[in-house]
Amino acid sequence: MTKVFITGASMVPVNRHYDMSLFDLAESAFMGLRKTVEEMPEVDAIIVTNSFAQKLENQSMLGFKLSKRLGLSGKLSMTVEQGDASGGAGILAAYSIVKSGVARNVLVVGLDKFSDFPSKFVNDAVSTTLEDVSYYEGLLPAPYGALIMKSYMRKYGVKEDYFYNWAIKMHSNALENPYAYLRFPVDSETVRKSQEVSTPMKLFDIAPRADGASSV
């Protein structure tokens, strides 16, 4: 039975990379990968995972386009899109391709770029992950999350401060992560006083949108 394993990985720090295009980020992640692998094996297939380029950048067929840019033309290429879970879906696809014997070495490149676009445009793109009725009724992810949060609070009898520990823990983890975007600590008072986005959700309950890329 074929054993599947990772031979190397690389990441571009999450930030607002105004000086880099979507494909610049992908190329940077790939070049970083080449530095981590002592003997880079020949790539048989490339999978690009992305959430919203088709909406934000008017770009499709990212796998094919990136394969050309990286000098991998003629290789099996595809794009995997599964919203915020696109990276995990891409890893699963790569695992399956190797496990089946279709390819021996699969390159997975995940990338997203948000900072070039105004919040209103980004919110519209992210809202396409909601059910079609919700999207066309104008419901955004934050109010959608707020409704779920209210339901949870009512069902389990908890208050807003019950959720503060999540933001505190995530920022604590970010302090030791050189690739993280917001590398500063927060406490309960900081979370409590943060901007209200959609009652009861506050700013620190929501993940920021920035740019980044990684390759495996």
N, C-alpha and C. Protein backbone atom coordinates (compact mmCIF):
# COMPACT_ATOMS: atom_id res chain seq x y z
N MET A 1 0.83 -1.20 0.00
CA MET A 1 0.00 0.00 0.00
C MET A 1 0.88 1.26 0.00
N THR A 2 0.49 2.24 -0.80
CA THR A 2 1.26 3.47 -0.93
C THR A 2 1.21 4.29 0.35
N LYS A 3 2.38 4.66 0.86
CA LYS A 3 2.44 5.55 2.02
C LYS A 3 2.53 6.99 1.51
N VAL A 4 1.76 7.85 2.10
CA VAL A 4 1.73 9.26 1.69
C VAL A 4 2.35 10.10 2.80
N PHE A 5 3.28 10.98 2.45
CA PHE A 5 3.91 11.82 3.46
C PHE A 5 4.28 13.17 2.85
N ILE A 6 4.54 14.13 3.72
CA ILE A 6 4.92 15.49 3.31
C ILE A 6 6.44 15.59 3.30
N THR A 7 7.00 16.08 2.21
CA THR A 7 8.46 16.20 2.11
C THR A 7 8.96 17.61 2.42
N GLY A 8 8.07 18.59 2.43
CA GLY A 8 8.50 19.95 2.72
C GLY A 8 7.32 20.90 2.75
N ALA A 9 7.50 22.05 3.38
CA ALA A 9 6.43 23.04 3.47
C ALA A 9 7.03 24.44 3.58
N SER A 10 6.27 25.42 3.15
CA SER A 10 6.73 26.81 3.18
C SER A 10 5.54 27.73 3.33
N MET A 11 5.75 28.87 3.99
CA MET A 11 4.67 29.84 4.14
C MET A 11 5.17 31.26 3.91
N VAL A 12 4.29 32.09 3.39
CA VAL A 12 4.53 33.53 3.30
C VAL A 12 3.80 34.17 4.47
N PRO A 13 4.47 34.97 5.30
CA PRO A 13 3.80 35.57 6.46
C PRO A 13 2.51 36.31 6.06
N VAL A 14 1.47 36.12 6.83
CA VAL A 14 0.21 36.81 6.57
C VAL A 14 0.38 38.30 6.83
N ASN A 15 0.00 39.11 5.86
CA ASN A 15 0.14 40.55 6.00
C ASN A 15 -0.64 41.22 4.88
N ARG A 16 -0.51 42.53 4.78
CA ARG A 16 -1.11 43.26 3.66
C ARG A 16 -0.01 43.46 2.61
N HIS A 17 0.10 42.54 1.69
CA HIS A 17 1.17 42.55 0.70
C HIS A 17 0.74 43.35 -0.54
N TYR A 18 0.71 44.67 -0.39
CA TYR A 18 0.26 45.52 -1.50
C TYR A 18 1.20 45.46 -2.70
N ASP A 19 2.45 45.08 -2.44
CA ASP A 19 3.45 45.07 -3.52
C ASP A 19 3.49 43.73 -4.25
N MET A 20 2.61 42.79 -3.88
CA MET A 20 2.63 41.46 -4.50
C MET A 20 1.25 41.10 -5.06
N SER A 21 1.26 40.49 -6.23
CA SER A 21 0.02 40.02 -6.82
C SER A 21 -0.33 38.65 -6.26
N LEU A 22 -1.48 38.14 -6.64
CA LEU A 22 -1.90 36.81 -6.22
C LEU A 22 -0.85 35.77 -6.62
N PHE A 23 -0.35 35.88 -7.84
CA PHE A 23 0.62 34.90 -8.35
C PHE A 23 2.03 35.15 -7.80
N ASP A 24 2.33 36.40 -7.43
CA ASP A 24 3.61 36.69 -6.76
C ASP A 24 3.67 35.95 -5.42
N LEU A 25 2.56 35.97 -4.68
CA LEU A 25 2.49 35.29 -3.40
C LEU A 25 2.69 33.79 -3.57
N ALA A 26 2.04 33.23 -4.58
CA ALA A 26 2.15 31.80 -4.84
C ALA A 26 3.58 31.42 -5.21
N GLU A 27 4.21 32.23 -6.05
CA GLU A 27 5.58 31.96 -6.46
C GLU A 27 6.54 32.05 -5.28
N SER A 28 6.31 33.02 -4.39
CA SER A 28 7.15 33.18 -3.22
C SER A 28 7.05 31.95 -2.31
N ALA A 29 5.83 31.43 -2.14
CA ALA A 29 5.64 30.24 -1.31
C ALA A 29 6.35 29.04 -1.94
N PHE A 30 6.30 28.94 -3.26
CA PHE A 30 6.95 27.82 -3.95
C PHE A 30 8.47 27.91 -3.84
N MET A 31 9.01 29.11 -4.00
CA MET A 31 10.46 29.28 -3.89
C MET A 31 10.93 28.97 -2.47
N GLY A 32 10.12 29.33 -1.48
CA GLY A 32 10.44 29.00 -0.10
C GLY A 32 10.46 27.50 0.12
N LEU A 33 9.54 26.80 -0.54
CA LEU A 33 9.48 25.34 -0.43
C LEU A 33 10.75 24.70 -0.99
N ARG A 34 11.22 25.21 -2.09
CA ARG A 34 12.42 24.65 -2.72
C ARG A 34 13.63 24.75 -1.80
N LYS A 35 13.65 25.76 -0.94
CA LYS A 35 14.76 25.94 -0.02
C LYS A 35 14.69 24.96 1.15
N THR A 36 13.51 24.43 1.43
CA THR A 36 13.35 23.53 2.58
C THR A 36 13.57 22.07 2.19
N VAL A 37 13.54 21.78 0.90
CA VAL A 37 13.70 20.39 0.45
C VAL A 37 15.09 20.22 -0.15
N GLU A 38 15.87 19.32 0.42
CA GLU A 38 17.25 19.14 -0.01
C GLU A 38 17.34 18.75 -1.48
N GLU A 39 16.54 17.79 -1.89
CA GLU A 39 16.48 17.40 -3.29
C GLU A 39 15.02 17.46 -3.73
N MET A 40 14.67 18.55 -4.42
CA MET A 40 13.28 18.75 -4.83
C MET A 40 12.88 17.70 -5.86
N PRO A 41 11.89 16.87 -5.54
CA PRO A 41 11.47 15.84 -6.50
C PRO A 41 10.71 16.47 -7.67
N GLU A 42 10.63 15.76 -8.75
CA GLU A 42 9.89 16.26 -9.91
C GLU A 42 8.41 16.28 -9.57
N VAL A 43 7.77 17.40 -9.81
CA VAL A 43 6.36 17.56 -9.51
C VAL A 43 5.52 16.93 -10.62
N ASP A 44 4.61 16.05 -10.23
CA ASP A 44 3.74 15.38 -11.21
C ASP A 44 2.40 16.08 -11.35
N ALA A 45 1.98 16.78 -10.31
CA ALA A 45 0.68 17.43 -10.33
C ALA A 45 0.72 18.65 -9.42
N ILE A 46 -0.09 19.64 -9.72
CA ILE A 46 -0.17 20.85 -8.90
C ILE A 46 -1.62 21.15 -8.58
N ILE A 47 -1.88 21.41 -7.31
CA ILE A 47 -3.21 21.78 -6.84
C ILE A 47 -3.12 23.16 -6.21
N VAL A 48 -3.94 24.08 -6.67
CA VAL A 48 -4.00 25.42 -6.08
C VAL A 48 -5.30 25.53 -5.29
N THR A 49 -5.20 25.91 -4.03
CA THR A 49 -6.40 26.09 -3.21
C THR A 49 -6.61 27.59 -3.00
N ASN A 50 -7.82 28.02 -3.22
CA ASN A 50 -8.14 29.45 -3.12
C ASN A 50 -9.62 29.60 -2.83
N SER A 51 -9.95 30.63 -2.05
CA SER A 51 -11.34 30.83 -1.66
C SER A 51 -12.12 31.73 -2.60
N PHE A 52 -11.55 32.90 -2.93
CA PHE A 52 -12.39 33.92 -3.55
C PHE A 52 -11.78 34.65 -4.74
N ALA A 53 -10.72 34.13 -5.35
CA ALA A 53 -10.09 34.83 -6.47
C ALA A 53 -11.04 34.99 -7.65
N GLN A 54 -11.92 34.01 -7.83
CA GLN A 54 -12.82 34.10 -8.97
C GLN A 54 -13.77 35.29 -8.82
N LYS A 55 -14.11 35.62 -7.58
CA LYS A 55 -15.00 36.75 -7.31
C LYS A 55 -14.22 38.05 -7.21
N LEU A 56 -13.11 38.03 -6.44
CA LEU A 56 -12.35 39.26 -6.20
C LEU A 56 -11.48 39.66 -7.38
N GLU A 57 -10.78 38.70 -7.98
CA GLU A 57 -9.78 39.00 -9.01
C GLU A 57 -10.25 38.70 -10.43
N ASN A 58 -11.46 38.15 -10.52
CA ASN A 58 -11.96 37.71 -11.83
C ASN A 58 -11.00 36.72 -12.48
N GLN A 59 -10.44 35.84 -11.65
CA GLN A 59 -9.48 34.86 -12.14
C GLN A 59 -9.96 33.44 -11.83
N SER A 60 -9.99 32.60 -12.86
CA SER A 60 -10.30 31.19 -12.68
C SER A 60 -9.15 30.37 -13.24
N MET A 61 -9.23 29.05 -13.14
CA MET A 61 -8.17 28.14 -13.63
C MET A 61 -6.81 28.49 -13.03
N LEU A 62 -6.78 28.76 -11.73
CA LEU A 62 -5.54 29.15 -11.08
C LEU A 62 -4.48 28.06 -11.15
N GLY A 63 -4.90 26.81 -11.05
CA GLY A 63 -3.95 25.71 -11.11
C GLY A 63 -3.19 25.69 -12.42
N PHE A 64 -3.91 25.84 -13.51
CA PHE A 64 -3.29 25.85 -14.84
C PHE A 64 -2.37 27.06 -15.00
N LYS A 65 -2.84 28.23 -14.58
CA LYS A 65 -2.05 29.46 -14.76
C LYS A 65 -0.78 29.43 -13.92
N LEU A 66 -0.90 28.94 -12.68
CA LEU A 66 0.28 28.90 -11.82
C LEU A 66 1.28 27.85 -12.31
N SER A 67 0.79 26.75 -12.85
CA SER A 67 1.70 25.72 -13.37
C SER A 67 2.57 26.30 -14.48
N LYS A 68 2.01 27.15 -15.31
CA LYS A 68 2.78 27.79 -16.38
C LYS A 68 3.82 28.74 -15.78
N ARG A 69 3.42 29.52 -14.78
CA ARG A 69 4.32 30.50 -14.18
C ARG A 69 5.49 29.82 -13.47
N LEU A 70 5.24 28.65 -12.89
CA LEU A 70 6.29 27.95 -12.15
C LEU A 70 7.11 27.02 -13.05
N GLY A 71 6.84 27.03 -14.33
CA GLY A 71 7.58 26.16 -15.24
C GLY A 71 7.14 24.71 -15.17
N LEU A 72 5.88 24.50 -14.80
CA LEU A 72 5.36 23.14 -14.66
C LEU A 72 4.27 22.85 -15.69
N SER A 73 4.35 23.49 -16.84
CA SER A 73 3.36 23.28 -17.89
C SER A 73 3.33 21.81 -18.30
N GLY A 74 2.14 21.34 -18.60
CA GLY A 74 1.99 19.95 -19.02
C GLY A 74 1.72 19.00 -17.88
N LYS A 75 1.83 19.49 -16.64
CA LYS A 75 1.54 18.66 -15.47
C LYS A 75 0.04 18.68 -15.18
N LEU A 76 -0.43 17.66 -14.51
CA LEU A 76 -1.81 17.66 -14.05
C LEU A 76 -2.01 18.85 -13.13
N SER A 77 -3.03 19.66 -13.40
CA SER A 77 -3.25 20.84 -12.55
C SER A 77 -4.74 21.03 -12.31
N MET A 78 -5.06 21.57 -11.15
CA MET A 78 -6.46 21.83 -10.81
C MET A 78 -6.54 22.87 -9.70
N THR A 79 -7.72 23.44 -9.55
CA THR A 79 -7.99 24.39 -8.47
C THR A 79 -9.05 23.81 -7.55
N VAL A 80 -8.83 23.91 -6.24
CA VAL A 80 -9.78 23.42 -5.26
C VAL A 80 -10.34 24.60 -4.49
N GLU A 81 -11.65 24.71 -4.42
CA GLU A 81 -12.30 25.82 -3.70
C GLU A 81 -13.31 25.25 -2.72
N GLN A 82 -13.14 25.59 -1.44
CA GLN A 82 -14.06 25.14 -0.41
C GLN A 82 -14.16 26.20 0.68
N GLY A 83 -14.25 27.48 0.25
CA GLY A 83 -14.35 28.56 1.22
C GLY A 83 -13.12 28.61 2.11
N ASP A 84 -13.33 28.87 3.39
CA ASP A 84 -12.22 28.96 4.34
C ASP A 84 -11.59 27.61 4.62
N ALA A 85 -12.18 26.54 4.13
CA ALA A 85 -11.61 25.20 4.31
C ALA A 85 -10.88 24.73 3.04
N SER A 86 -10.58 25.65 2.14
CA SER A 86 -9.96 25.28 0.86
C SER A 86 -8.62 24.58 1.05
N GLY A 87 -7.81 25.05 2.01
CA GLY A 87 -6.49 24.45 2.23
C GLY A 87 -6.59 22.99 2.62
N GLY A 88 -7.48 22.69 3.56
CA GLY A 88 -7.67 21.31 3.98
C GLY A 88 -8.19 20.44 2.86
N ALA A 89 -9.10 20.99 2.05
CA ALA A 89 -9.64 20.24 0.92
C ALA A 89 -8.55 19.93 -0.10
N GLY A 90 -7.63 20.89 -0.29
CA GLY A 90 -6.52 20.68 -1.22
C GLY A 90 -5.58 19.59 -0.75
N ILE A 91 -5.30 19.56 0.56
CA ILE A 91 -4.45 18.51 1.12
C ILE A 91 -5.11 17.14 0.93
N LEU A 92 -6.41 17.07 1.16
CA LEU A 92 -7.13 15.82 0.98
C LEU A 92 -7.06 15.36 -0.48
N ALA A 93 -7.23 16.31 -1.41
CA ALA A 93 -7.17 15.97 -2.83
C ALA A 93 -5.78 15.45 -3.20
N ALA A 94 -4.73 16.12 -2.69
CA ALA A 94 -3.36 15.69 -2.98
C ALA A 94 -3.09 14.31 -2.40
N TYR A 95 -3.52 14.09 -1.16
CA TYR A 95 -3.37 12.78 -0.53
C TYR A 95 -4.02 11.69 -1.38
N SER A 96 -5.23 11.97 -1.84
CA SER A 96 -5.98 10.99 -2.61
C SER A 96 -5.30 10.67 -3.94
N ILE A 97 -4.73 11.69 -4.59
CA ILE A 97 -4.05 11.49 -5.87
C ILE A 97 -2.81 10.64 -5.70
N VAL A 98 -2.05 10.90 -4.63
CA VAL A 98 -0.85 10.11 -4.38
C VAL A 98 -1.23 8.68 -3.97
N LYS A 99 -2.21 8.59 -3.06
CA LYS A 99 -2.64 7.28 -2.55
C LYS A 99 -3.14 6.38 -3.68
N SER A 100 -3.81 6.97 -4.67
CA SER A 100 -4.37 6.19 -5.77
C SER A 100 -3.33 5.77 -6.80
N GLY A 101 -2.15 6.42 -6.74
CA GLY A 101 -1.11 6.11 -7.70
C GLY A 101 -1.16 6.92 -8.97
N VAL A 102 -2.10 7.87 -9.05
CA VAL A 102 -2.20 8.72 -10.24
C VAL A 102 -0.95 9.59 -10.37
N ALA A 103 -0.41 10.06 -9.24
CA ALA A 103 0.81 10.88 -9.25
C ALA A 103 1.65 10.52 -8.04
N ARG A 104 2.95 10.74 -8.15
CA ARG A 104 3.86 10.42 -7.05
C ARG A 104 4.14 11.65 -6.18
N ASN A 105 4.36 12.79 -6.82
CA ASN A 105 4.68 14.01 -6.09
C ASN A 105 3.69 15.11 -6.48
N VAL A 106 2.94 15.59 -5.50
CA VAL A 106 1.92 16.60 -5.75
C VAL A 106 2.27 17.88 -5.00
N LEU A 107 2.28 18.98 -5.70
CA LEU A 107 2.52 20.30 -5.09
C LEU A 107 1.17 20.94 -4.79
N VAL A 108 0.98 21.35 -3.53
CA VAL A 108 -0.23 22.07 -3.15
C VAL A 108 0.16 23.50 -2.78
N VAL A 109 -0.46 24.46 -3.41
CA VAL A 109 -0.21 25.87 -3.11
C VAL A 109 -1.53 26.52 -2.71
N GLY A 110 -1.57 27.05 -1.50
CA GLY A 110 -2.76 27.76 -1.04
C GLY A 110 -2.50 29.25 -1.02
N LEU A 111 -3.44 30.03 -1.50
CA LEU A 111 -3.23 31.48 -1.52
C LEU A 111 -4.55 32.23 -1.47
N ASP A 112 -4.50 33.38 -0.85
CA ASP A 112 -5.62 34.31 -0.82
C ASP A 112 -5.09 35.73 -0.71
N LYS A 113 -5.80 36.65 -1.33
CA LYS A 113 -5.40 38.06 -1.30
C LYS A 113 -6.64 38.92 -1.16
N PHE A 114 -6.69 39.65 -0.05
CA PHE A 114 -7.85 40.48 0.26
C PHE A 114 -7.54 41.98 0.33
N SER A 115 -6.30 42.33 0.65
CA SER A 115 -5.99 43.71 1.03
C SER A 115 -6.11 44.72 -0.11
N ASP A 116 -6.17 44.25 -1.36
CA ASP A 116 -6.29 45.18 -2.49
C ASP A 116 -7.72 45.67 -2.71
N PHE A 117 -8.65 45.14 -1.91
CA PHE A 117 -10.06 45.42 -2.18
C PHE A 117 -10.74 46.05 -0.97
N PRO A 118 -11.70 46.97 -1.21
CA PRO A 118 -12.42 47.59 -0.08
C PRO A 118 -13.26 46.56 0.66
N SER A 119 -13.52 46.83 1.93
CA SER A 119 -14.24 45.89 2.79
C SER A 119 -15.59 45.49 2.21
N LYS A 120 -16.28 46.43 1.62
CA LYS A 120 -17.60 46.14 1.06
C LYS A 120 -17.51 45.06 -0.02
N PHE A 121 -16.49 45.15 -0.84
CA PHE A 121 -16.29 44.18 -1.92
C PHE A 121 -15.89 42.82 -1.35
N VAL A 122 -15.02 42.84 -0.34
CA VAL A 122 -14.59 41.60 0.30
C VAL A 122 -15.77 40.92 1.00
N ASN A 123 -16.57 41.71 1.71
CA ASN A 123 -17.74 41.15 2.40
C ASN A 123 -18.70 40.50 1.42
N ASP A 124 -18.86 41.11 0.25
CA ASP A 124 -19.75 40.54 -0.76
C ASP A 124 -19.21 39.20 -1.26
N ALA A 125 -17.88 39.14 -1.45
CA ALA A 125 -17.26 37.90 -1.92
C ALA A 125 -17.40 36.80 -0.87
N VAL A 126 -17.10 37.14 0.39
CA VAL A 126 -17.15 36.15 1.46
C VAL A 126 -18.59 35.67 1.68
N SER A 127 -19.56 36.53 1.41
CA SER A 127 -20.96 36.17 1.60
C SER A 127 -21.43 35.09 0.64
N THR A 128 -20.68 34.84 -0.42
CA THR A 128 -21.08 33.79 -1.37
C THR A 128 -20.95 32.40 -0.75
N THR A 129 -20.31 32.29 0.43
CA THR A 129 -20.21 30.99 1.10
C THR A 129 -21.52 30.64 1.81
N LEU A 130 -22.40 31.62 1.97
CA LEU A 130 -23.68 31.36 2.63
C LEU A 130 -24.66 30.71 1.65
N GLU A 131 -25.74 30.16 2.17
CA GLU A 131 -26.76 29.58 1.31
C GLU A 131 -27.27 30.64 0.34
N ASP A 132 -27.73 30.18 -0.82
CA ASP A 132 -28.13 31.13 -1.86
C ASP A 132 -29.22 32.10 -1.40
N VAL A 133 -30.17 31.62 -0.61
CA VAL A 133 -31.23 32.50 -0.13
C VAL A 133 -30.65 33.59 0.77
N SER A 134 -29.74 33.19 1.67
CA SER A 134 -29.12 34.16 2.59
C SER A 134 -28.35 35.22 1.82
N TYR A 135 -27.58 34.76 0.80
CA TYR A 135 -26.76 35.70 0.03
C TYR A 135 -27.63 36.72 -0.69
N TYR A 136 -28.66 36.26 -1.35
CA TYR A 136 -29.50 37.18 -2.12
C TYR A 136 -30.40 38.05 -1.26
N GLU A 137 -30.55 37.67 0.01
CA GLU A 137 -31.29 38.51 0.94
C GLU A 137 -30.37 39.55 1.58
N GLY A 138 -29.06 39.48 1.27
CA GLY A 138 -28.12 40.49 1.77
C GLY A 138 -27.52 40.18 3.12
N LEU A 139 -27.65 38.94 3.60
CA LEU A 139 -27.08 38.59 4.89
C LEU A 139 -25.58 38.36 4.76
N LEU A 140 -24.80 39.00 5.64
CA LEU A 140 -23.35 38.86 5.63
C LEU A 140 -22.91 37.83 6.67
N PRO A 141 -21.68 37.31 6.55
CA PRO A 141 -21.21 36.30 7.51
C PRO A 141 -21.23 36.75 8.97
N ALA A 142 -20.88 38.02 9.25
CA ALA A 142 -20.85 38.48 10.65
C ALA A 142 -22.24 38.43 11.30
N PRO A 143 -23.28 39.01 10.69
CA PRO A 143 -24.61 38.88 11.28
C PRO A 143 -25.09 37.43 11.36
N TYR A 144 -24.69 36.62 10.37
CA TYR A 144 -25.03 35.20 10.38
C TYR A 144 -24.41 34.54 11.61
N GLY A 145 -23.12 34.85 11.85
CA GLY A 145 -22.44 34.32 13.03
C GLY A 145 -23.05 34.82 14.32
N ALA A 146 -23.50 36.08 14.31
CA ALA A 146 -24.11 36.67 15.50
C ALA A 146 -25.41 35.94 15.87
N LEU A 147 -26.17 35.54 14.86
CA LEU A 147 -27.41 34.80 15.11
C LEU A 147 -27.09 33.45 15.76
N ILE A 148 -26.04 32.79 15.28
CA ILE A 148 -25.63 31.50 15.85
C ILE A 148 -25.12 31.70 17.28
N MET A 149 -24.39 32.80 17.50
CA MET A 149 -23.84 33.10 18.82
C MET A 149 -24.98 33.34 19.82
N LYS A 150 -26.00 34.08 19.40
CA LYS A 150 -27.16 34.33 20.27
C LYS A 150 -27.87 33.03 20.60
N SER A 151 -28.00 32.17 19.61
CA SER A 151 -28.66 30.88 19.82
C SER A 151 -27.89 30.04 20.83
N TYR A 152 -26.55 30.05 20.71
CA TYR A 152 -25.70 29.30 21.62
C TYR A 152 -25.83 29.84 23.05
N MET A 153 -25.81 31.17 23.17
CA MET A 153 -25.92 31.80 24.50
C MET A 153 -27.25 31.45 25.16
N ARG A 154 -28.30 31.45 24.37
CA ARG A 154 -29.62 31.14 24.90
C ARG A 154 -29.72 29.67 25.30
N LYS A 155 -29.17 28.78 24.47
CA LYS A 155 -29.27 27.34 24.72
C LYS A 155 -28.47 26.90 25.94
N TYR A 156 -27.26 27.49 26.09
CA TYR A 156 -26.36 27.03 27.16
C TYR A 156 -26.27 28.02 28.33
N GLY A 157 -27.03 29.10 28.27
CA GLY A 157 -27.08 30.03 29.38
C GLY A 157 -25.76 30.73 29.68
N VAL A 158 -25.03 31.12 28.65
CA VAL A 158 -23.76 31.80 28.86
C VAL A 158 -23.87 33.26 28.39
N LYS A 159 -22.93 34.09 28.87
CA LYS A 159 -22.92 35.50 28.48
C LYS A 159 -21.79 35.76 27.48
N GLU A 160 -21.71 36.99 27.01
CA GLU A 160 -20.71 37.35 25.99
C GLU A 160 -19.29 37.04 26.43
N ASP A 161 -18.99 37.29 27.71
CA ASP A 161 -17.61 37.10 28.15
C ASP A 161 -17.16 35.64 28.11
N TYR A 162 -18.12 34.74 27.93
CA TYR A 162 -17.79 33.32 27.76
C TYR A 162 -16.90 33.12 26.54
N PHE A 163 -17.08 33.97 25.53
CA PHE A 163 -16.35 33.81 24.27
C PHE A 163 -15.02 34.57 24.23
N TYR A 164 -14.76 35.39 25.24
CA TYR A 164 -13.54 36.20 25.23
C TYR A 164 -12.27 35.34 25.19
N ASN A 165 -12.31 34.19 25.87
CA ASN A 165 -11.11 33.36 25.96
C ASN A 165 -10.60 32.90 24.59
N TRP A 166 -11.51 32.79 23.63
CA TRP A 166 -11.09 32.37 22.28
C TRP A 166 -10.12 33.39 21.69
N ALA A 167 -10.50 34.67 21.70
CA ALA A 167 -9.63 35.71 21.15
C ALA A 167 -8.33 35.81 21.94
N ILE A 168 -8.42 35.70 23.25
CA ILE A 168 -7.23 35.78 24.09
C ILE A 168 -6.26 34.65 23.75
N LYS A 169 -6.79 33.44 23.57
CA LYS A 169 -5.96 32.27 23.25
C LYS A 169 -5.32 32.41 21.87
N MET A 170 -6.08 32.85 20.89
CA MET A 170 -5.56 32.98 19.53
C MET A 170 -4.43 34.02 19.46
N HIS A 171 -4.60 35.12 20.16
CA HIS A 171 -3.55 36.15 20.17
C HIS A 171 -2.33 35.67 20.95
N SER A 172 -2.54 34.87 21.96
CA SER A 172 -1.43 34.29 22.70
C SER A 172 -0.62 33.37 21.79
N ASN A 173 -1.30 32.57 21.00
CA ASN A 173 -0.61 31.69 20.04
C ASN A 173 0.15 32.50 18.99
N ALA A 174 -0.44 33.61 18.55
CA ALA A 174 0.17 34.42 17.50
C ALA A 174 1.49 35.04 17.93
N LEU A 175 1.64 35.30 19.23
CA LEU A 175 2.86 35.93 19.73
C LEU A 175 4.11 35.14 19.37
N GLU A 176 3.99 33.82 19.33
CA GLU A 176 5.14 32.96 19.06
C GLU A 176 5.16 32.44 17.63
N ASN A 177 4.29 32.98 16.80
CA ASN A 177 4.21 32.53 15.41
C ASN A 177 4.69 33.64 14.48
N PRO A 178 5.88 33.51 13.87
CA PRO A 178 6.42 34.56 13.00
C PRO A 178 5.60 34.79 11.73
N TYR A 179 4.69 33.88 11.41
CA TYR A 179 3.87 34.02 10.20
C TYR A 179 2.51 34.66 10.49
N ALA A 180 2.19 34.85 11.77
CA ALA A 180 0.89 35.38 12.15
C ALA A 180 0.77 36.86 11.79
N TYR A 181 -0.47 37.30 11.64
CA TYR A 181 -0.74 38.68 11.21
C TYR A 181 -0.79 39.65 12.40
N LEU A 182 -1.57 39.34 13.41
CA LEU A 182 -1.76 40.25 14.55
C LEU A 182 -1.03 39.69 15.76
N ARG A 183 0.24 40.04 15.88
CA ARG A 183 1.10 39.47 16.93
C ARG A 183 1.15 40.37 18.15
N PHE A 184 0.04 40.45 18.85
CA PHE A 184 0.00 41.21 20.10
C PHE A 184 -1.02 40.57 21.03
N PRO A 185 -0.80 40.66 22.34
CA PRO A 185 -1.73 40.02 23.29
C PRO A 185 -2.97 40.88 23.51
N VAL A 186 -4.05 40.24 23.91
CA VAL A 186 -5.26 40.97 24.31
C VAL A 186 -5.77 40.35 25.61
N ASP A 187 -6.51 41.14 26.37
CA ASP A 187 -7.13 40.63 27.59
C ASP A 187 -8.64 40.82 27.51
N SER A 188 -9.34 40.40 28.52
CA SER A 188 -10.80 40.45 28.52
C SER A 188 -11.31 41.87 28.33
N GLU A 189 -10.64 42.84 28.95
CA GLU A 189 -11.09 44.23 28.86
C GLU A 189 -10.93 44.74 27.42
N THR A 190 -9.84 44.35 26.76
CA THR A 190 -9.62 44.77 25.36
C THR A 190 -10.72 44.23 24.47
N VAL A 191 -11.06 42.96 24.65
CA VAL A 191 -12.11 42.34 23.85
C VAL A 191 -13.45 43.00 24.14
N ARG A 192 -13.73 43.24 25.41
CA ARG A 192 -15.02 43.81 25.80
C ARG A 192 -15.23 45.20 25.20
N LYS A 193 -14.16 45.99 25.15
CA LYS A 193 -14.27 47.36 24.67
C LYS A 193 -14.10 47.48 23.15
N SER A 194 -13.85 46.38 22.48
CA SER A 194 -13.64 46.45 21.03
C SER A 194 -14.93 46.78 20.29
N GLN A 195 -14.79 47.22 19.08
CA GLN A 195 -15.93 47.66 18.27
C GLN A 195 -16.96 46.54 18.11
N GLU A 196 -18.23 46.90 18.26
CA GLU A 196 -19.29 45.94 18.05
C GLU A 196 -19.58 45.84 16.56
N VAL A 197 -19.51 44.65 16.03
CA VAL A 197 -19.70 44.44 14.59
C VAL A 197 -21.14 44.07 14.29
N SER A 198 -21.64 43.10 15.02
CA SER A 198 -23.03 42.67 14.89
C SER A 198 -23.40 42.01 16.21
N THR A 199 -24.21 42.68 17.00
CA THR A 199 -24.52 42.23 18.36
C THR A 199 -24.88 40.74 18.41
N PRO A 200 -24.20 39.97 19.25
CA PRO A 200 -23.21 40.34 20.28
C PRO A 200 -21.75 40.21 19.80
N MET A 201 -21.54 40.00 18.51
CA MET A 201 -20.17 39.82 18.01
C MET A 201 -19.39 41.13 18.00
N LYS A 202 -18.14 41.04 18.48
CA LYS A 202 -17.26 42.19 18.49
C LYS A 202 -16.09 41.96 17.53
N LEU A 203 -15.29 42.98 17.39
CA LEU A 203 -14.19 42.93 16.43
C LEU A 203 -13.27 41.73 16.64
N PHE A 204 -13.00 41.40 17.91
CA PHE A 204 -12.06 40.31 18.19
C PHE A 204 -12.70 38.92 18.06
N ASP A 205 -13.99 38.87 17.74
CA ASP A 205 -14.64 37.59 17.47
C ASP A 205 -14.51 37.20 16.00
N ILE A 206 -13.97 38.10 15.20
CA ILE A 206 -13.95 37.89 13.75
C ILE A 206 -12.51 37.82 13.25
N ALA A 207 -12.24 36.88 12.38
CA ALA A 207 -10.89 36.75 11.80
C ALA A 207 -10.63 37.89 10.83
N PRO A 208 -9.42 38.47 10.88
CA PRO A 208 -9.10 39.54 9.94
C PRO A 208 -8.84 38.96 8.55
N ARG A 209 -9.01 39.77 7.54
CA ARG A 209 -8.73 39.36 6.17
C ARG A 209 -7.46 40.03 5.70
N ALA A 210 -6.52 39.25 5.24
CA ALA A 210 -5.24 39.79 4.76
C ALA A 210 -4.75 38.92 3.61
N ASP A 211 -3.45 38.96 3.32
CA ASP A 211 -2.87 38.20 2.20
C ASP A 211 -1.90 37.17 2.72
N GLY A 212 -1.81 36.05 2.03
CA GLY A 212 -0.83 35.04 2.43
C GLY A 212 -0.82 33.89 1.44
N ALA A 213 0.17 33.05 1.57
CA ALA A 213 0.28 31.87 0.71
C ALA A 213 1.12 30.83 1.42
N SER A 214 0.92 29.59 1.05
CA SER A 214 1.71 28.49 1.59
C SER A 214 1.82 27.39 0.56
N SER A 215 2.81 26.54 0.72
CA SER A 215 2.96 25.42 -0.22
C SER A 215 3.41 24.18 0.54
N VAL A 216 2.97 23.03 0.05
CA VAL A 216 3.31 21.74 0.66
C VAL A 216 3.68 20.79 -0.45
